[in-house]
């Protein structure tokens, strides 16, 4: 799973990659963990 964030012009300079089943932390304004095991 890949989260692209901090959009800037035509790019997303920040990205975070985690394997499915691992928690992925969402940036502000959400700022909580997204449990990716629910997607399996």
PDB file of N, CA and C in Angstrom:
ATOM      1  N   UNK A   1       0.850  -1.146   0.000  1.00  0.00           N
ATOM      2  CA  UNK A   1       0.000   0.000   0.000  1.00  0.00           C
ATOM      3  C   UNK A   1       0.907   1.223   0.000  1.00  0.00           C
ATOM      4  N   UNK A   2       0.590   2.207  -0.848  1.00  0.00           N
ATOM      5  CA  UNK A   2       1.380   3.435  -0.921  1.00  0.00           C
ATOM      6  C   UNK A   2       0.474   4.639  -0.719  1.00  0.00           C
ATOM      7  N   UNK A   3       0.888   5.512   0.169  1.00  0.00           N
ATOM      8  CA  UNK A   3       0.164   6.753   0.430  1.00  0.00           C
ATOM      9  C   UNK A   3       0.996   7.903  -0.113  1.00  0.00           C
ATOM     10  N   UNK A   4       0.424   8.641  -1.044  1.00  0.00           N
ATOM     11  CA  UNK A   4       1.063   9.845  -1.576  1.00  0.00           C
ATOM     12  C   UNK A   4       0.447  11.032  -0.847  1.00  0.00           C
ATOM     13  N   UNK A   5       1.278  11.975  -0.385  1.00  0.00           N
ATOM     14  CA  UNK A   5       0.750  13.109   0.374  1.00  0.00           C
ATOM     15  C   UNK A   5       1.550  14.377   0.098  1.00  0.00           C
ATOM     16  N   UNK A   6       1.102  15.458   0.717  1.00  0.00           N
ATOM     17  CA  UNK A   6       1.718  16.781   0.574  1.00  0.00           C
ATOM     18  C   UNK A   6       1.758  17.233  -0.881  1.00  0.00           C
ATOM     19  N   UNK A   7       0.588  17.262  -1.576  1.00  0.00           N
ATOM     20  CA  UNK A   7       0.585  17.666  -2.976  1.00  0.00           C
ATOM     21  C   UNK A   7       1.202  19.047  -3.181  1.00  0.00           C
ATOM     22  N   UNK A   8       1.990  19.126  -4.221  1.00  0.00           N
ATOM     23  CA  UNK A   8       2.724  20.355  -4.513  1.00  0.00           C
ATOM     24  C   UNK A   8       2.870  20.465  -6.025  1.00  0.00           C
ATOM     25  N   UNK A   9       2.202  21.439  -6.624  1.00  0.00           N
ATOM     26  CA  UNK A   9       2.181  21.589  -8.082  1.00  0.00           C
ATOM     27  C   UNK A   9       1.610  20.311  -8.705  1.00  0.00           C
ATOM     28  N   UNK A  10       2.347  19.647  -9.554  1.00  0.00           N
ATOM     29  CA  UNK A  10       1.878  18.410 -10.179  1.00  0.00           C
ATOM     30  C   UNK A  10       2.572  17.186  -9.594  1.00  0.00           C
ATOM     31  N   UNK A  11       2.951  17.250  -8.334  1.00  0.00           N
ATOM     32  CA  UNK A  11       3.740  16.183  -7.733  1.00  0.00           C
ATOM     33  C   UNK A  11       3.268  15.913  -6.301  1.00  0.00           C
ATOM     34  N   UNK A  12       3.595  14.746  -5.804  1.00  0.00           N
ATOM     35  CA  UNK A  12       3.375  14.379  -4.399  1.00  0.00           C
ATOM     36  C   UNK A  12       4.732  13.993  -3.825  1.00  0.00           C
ATOM     37  N   UNK A  13       5.434  14.941  -3.209  1.00  0.00           N
ATOM     38  CA  UNK A  13       6.804  14.685  -2.766  1.00  0.00           C
ATOM     39  C   UNK A  13       6.918  13.701  -1.600  1.00  0.00           C
ATOM     40  N   UNK A  14       5.864  13.508  -0.838  1.00  0.00           N
ATOM     41  CA  UNK A  14       5.907  12.586   0.294  1.00  0.00           C
ATOM     42  C   UNK A  14       5.196  11.299  -0.070  1.00  0.00           C
ATOM     43  N   UNK A  15       5.832  10.171   0.214  1.00  0.00           N
ATOM     44  CA  UNK A  15       5.149   8.904   0.050  1.00  0.00           C
ATOM     45  C   UNK A  15       5.584   7.951   1.152  1.00  0.00           C
ATOM     46  N   UNK A  16       4.662   7.101   1.515  1.00  0.00           N
ATOM     47  CA  UNK A  16       4.911   6.109   2.557  1.00  0.00           C
ATOM     48  C   UNK A  16       4.383   4.778   2.032  1.00  0.00           C
ATOM     49  N   UNK A  17       5.217   3.748   2.055  1.00  0.00           N
ATOM     50  CA  UNK A  17       4.831   2.437   1.552  1.00  0.00           C
ATOM     51  C   UNK A  17       4.897   1.424   2.685  1.00  0.00           C
ATOM     52  N   UNK A  18       3.832   0.631   2.801  1.00  0.00           N
ATOM     53  CA  UNK A  18       3.758  -0.438   3.796  1.00  0.00           C
ATOM     54  C   UNK A  18       3.162  -1.672   3.121  1.00  0.00           C
ATOM     55  N   UNK A  19       3.547  -2.859   3.553  1.00  0.00           N
ATOM     56  CA  UNK A  19       2.908  -4.062   3.006  1.00  0.00           C
ATOM     57  C   UNK A  19       1.468  -4.173   3.528  1.00  0.00           C
ATOM     58  N   UNK A  20       0.599  -4.800   2.735  1.00  0.00           N
ATOM     59  CA  UNK A  20      -0.764  -5.028   3.208  1.00  0.00           C
ATOM     60  C   UNK A  20      -0.710  -5.811   4.510  1.00  0.00           C
ATOM     61  N   UNK A  21      -1.567  -5.445   5.426  1.00  0.00           N
ATOM     62  CA  UNK A  21      -1.605  -6.080   6.735  1.00  0.00           C
ATOM     63  C   UNK A  21      -0.916  -5.252   7.805  1.00  0.00           C
ATOM     64  N   UNK A  22      -0.144  -4.265   7.404  1.00  0.00           N
ATOM     65  CA  UNK A  22       0.536  -3.372   8.341  1.00  0.00           C
ATOM     66  C   UNK A  22      -0.218  -2.056   8.428  1.00  0.00           C
ATOM     67  N   UNK A  23      -0.102  -1.386   9.551  1.00  0.00           N
ATOM     68  CA  UNK A  23      -0.772  -0.107   9.745  1.00  0.00           C
ATOM     69  C   UNK A  23      -0.043   0.998   8.989  1.00  0.00           C
ATOM     70  N   UNK A  24      -0.820   1.900   8.417  1.00  0.00           N
ATOM     71  CA  UNK A  24      -0.283   3.044   7.685  1.00  0.00           C
ATOM     72  C   UNK A  24      -0.806   4.296   8.374  1.00  0.00           C
ATOM     73  N   UNK A  25       0.074   5.165   8.813  1.00  0.00           N
ATOM     74  CA  UNK A  25      -0.333   6.383   9.511  1.00  0.00           C
ATOM     75  C   UNK A  25      -0.678   7.472   8.502  1.00  0.00           C
ATOM     76  N   UNK A  26      -1.889   7.982   8.620  1.00  0.00           N
ATOM     77  CA  UNK A  26      -2.349   9.054   7.738  1.00  0.00           C
ATOM     78  C   UNK A  26      -1.902  10.400   8.291  1.00  0.00           C
ATOM     79  N   UNK A  27      -1.525  11.329   7.412  1.00  0.00           N
ATOM     80  CA  UNK A  27      -1.085  12.656   7.873  1.00  0.00           C
ATOM     81  C   UNK A  27      -2.269  13.513   8.315  1.00  0.00           C
ATOM     82  N   UNK A  28      -1.971  14.668   8.885  1.00  0.00           N
ATOM     83  CA  UNK A  28      -2.995  15.650   9.236  1.00  0.00           C
ATOM     84  C   UNK A  28      -3.795  16.004   7.990  1.00  0.00           C
ATOM     85  N   UNK A  29      -5.050  16.240   8.066  1.00  0.00           N
ATOM     86  CA  UNK A  29      -5.878  16.448   9.245  1.00  0.00           C
ATOM     87  C   UNK A  29      -6.444  15.155   9.833  1.00  0.00           C
ATOM     88  N   UNK A  30      -6.109  13.991   9.259  1.00  0.00           N
ATOM     89  CA  UNK A  30      -6.656  12.725   9.758  1.00  0.00           C
ATOM     90  C   UNK A  30      -5.850  12.187  10.926  1.00  0.00           C
ATOM     91  N   UNK A  31      -4.539  12.117  10.765  1.00  0.00           N
ATOM     92  CA  UNK A  31      -3.583  11.741  11.813  1.00  0.00           C
ATOM     93  C   UNK A  31      -4.009  10.545  12.662  1.00  0.00           C
ATOM     94  N   UNK A  32      -4.239   9.435  11.999  1.00  0.00           N
ATOM     95  CA  UNK A  32      -4.491   8.195  12.734  1.00  0.00           C
ATOM     96  C   UNK A  32      -4.005   7.034  11.883  1.00  0.00           C
ATOM     97  N   UNK A  33      -3.925   5.863  12.486  1.00  0.00           N
ATOM     98  CA  UNK A  33      -3.469   4.695  11.773  1.00  0.00           C
ATOM     99  C   UNK A  33      -4.586   4.059  10.968  1.00  0.00           C
ATOM    100  N   UNK A  34      -4.273   3.665   9.755  1.00  0.00           N
ATOM    101  CA  UNK A  34      -5.218   2.973   8.892  1.00  0.00           C
ATOM    102  C   UNK A  34      -4.786   1.514   8.855  1.00  0.00           C
ATOM    103  N   UNK A  35      -5.627   0.642   9.359  1.00  0.00           N
ATOM    104  CA  UNK A  35      -5.310  -0.783   9.409  1.00  0.00           C
ATOM    105  C   UNK A  35      -5.534  -1.402   8.039  1.00  0.00           C
ATOM    106  N   UNK A  36      -4.462  -1.782   7.359  1.00  0.00           N
ATOM    107  CA  UNK A  36      -4.590  -2.266   5.989  1.00  0.00           C
ATOM    108  C   UNK A  36      -4.984  -3.734   5.919  1.00  0.00           C
ATOM    109  N   UNK A  37      -4.964  -4.452   7.032  1.00  0.00           N
ATOM    110  CA  UNK A  37      -5.388  -5.854   6.995  1.00  0.00           C
ATOM    111  C   UNK A  37      -6.864  -5.967   6.636  1.00  0.00           C
ATOM    112  N   UNK A  38      -7.628  -4.897   6.838  1.00  0.00           N
ATOM    113  CA  UNK A  38      -9.046  -4.883   6.460  1.00  0.00           C
ATOM    114  C   UNK A  38      -9.225  -4.941   4.945  1.00  0.00           C
ATOM    115  N   UNK A  39      -8.174  -4.637   4.184  1.00  0.00           N
ATOM    116  CA  UNK A  39      -8.263  -4.614   2.731  1.00  0.00           C
ATOM    117  C   UNK A  39      -7.965  -5.969   2.103  1.00  0.00           C
ATOM    118  N   UNK A  40      -7.493  -6.924   2.895  1.00  0.00           N
ATOM    119  CA  UNK A  40      -7.137  -8.234   2.348  1.00  0.00           C
ATOM    120  C   UNK A  40      -8.353  -9.071   2.066  1.00  0.00           C
TER     121      UNK A  40
END
